[in-house]
C-alpha cells in the first residue's frame, strides 16, 4: 500500500505508510523518547489526535488504499499535548502528480500554549563562555519549569511551509526527503529568548527554523518493516550593529529501528534507537553517552464505516 509522509510528532510518521485511506482518516498516538544517560537531551512525551481528509484528484475511491503513485488534496487538523505545552494545528497539502518519485507541498499553522514552561534561554554567547551549553540542557530546563517565576500561560504560533520528495520501490518501500521553513512567534517577556519544546531548541520571540529531513522504510512482510530518519534543525541569526543578539543554533539527529503494524495497518508501533549532536562544541558540554537516545511511538487509526457509502 502506498501512503504519505505527514508531520505529526516528527518529520515522518511511520504509521501513515499503512494506515491512510482516501477520504476521512482519524488517528491517535503517543510518542516518548529519552536519552540513555541523563544530561543534555530533554526527554519528550507527546500525545495527539489527528484528522486528515484525502481527496483524490481523479476518480473518488473513499475508503480505499492510496495505491500506486497517488494524487490528492489534503486537509488536516490535530490537537496535541505534552507536559510543557498543548495546542492545535491545521493545514493544507497537495500531491498533484501521479508519478514516481512523488512530490508534495504542505502549509501548516500551529498554535500552542506553554504551561508555566516558557524559560529565558541564552541565545548569544559572543564571549565563548559556554553559557548556551549550560542553559540548553535537561537539568536547566527541569530545574526552572513550573516555578513561580515562570508565566502561567504563554502563547506561541508557527507557520510551517514544506516540500517533500518521495520514491517508492519494492513492496511499497519508501525513500524520501524534505525541507521545512518555519516562522515562529512566541509571546515572552524574556528579551526575546525562549524555547521550542516540540523541536527541543532555543528560539527568539520572532525567529525562523530551517528543518532538513530524510527518511526511509524498507518493507519485509505485511507486518514488519525497518525505518530510519535523519533531522537537522537550524534557527535564525540576529545582529544589531556590532552586537550579536542571537546566534544561529542547530543540531542533527539520526534514528533507526523496527516498525510493526497489524489489523491492515490500523495499529502501528515504532521503536527507534538514535543519536543527536550539536555542531559546535561550545554549545555542548555533555559526554558522548548523553547523545544516545531511544524512542517509542504508537499510532492507531479508526475505521470509518461511512467509507463505502461515500464511494457510491
Foldseek 3Di string as FASTA:
>chain_A
DAFDAPDDLHRGDVLRRFQDWAAKWKKKKWKWKAFPDAKQDAIWIKIKIKIKHWAFPPADQFPHHQPQQTWTKMWMKMWMDTPFKTWMKTWIKTFHDSDFFTKMKIKMKTKMKTAQQWDFADFDDVVLPLRLQVCNGNVNRVVRGPDPVGDRIKMKMKIKIKMKIWGADDPRKIKMKMKIKMWMAIDDPNQQWTADPSVSGIGGNTKIKIKIKIKIWADDDQFKIKIKMKMKIWMDWDDDVPRTRGDIWMKMKMKIFMKGADPRSQKIKTKIKMFMGTPDVSNHDDDRSRRIMIMIMIMGIDRDPCRVVVSD
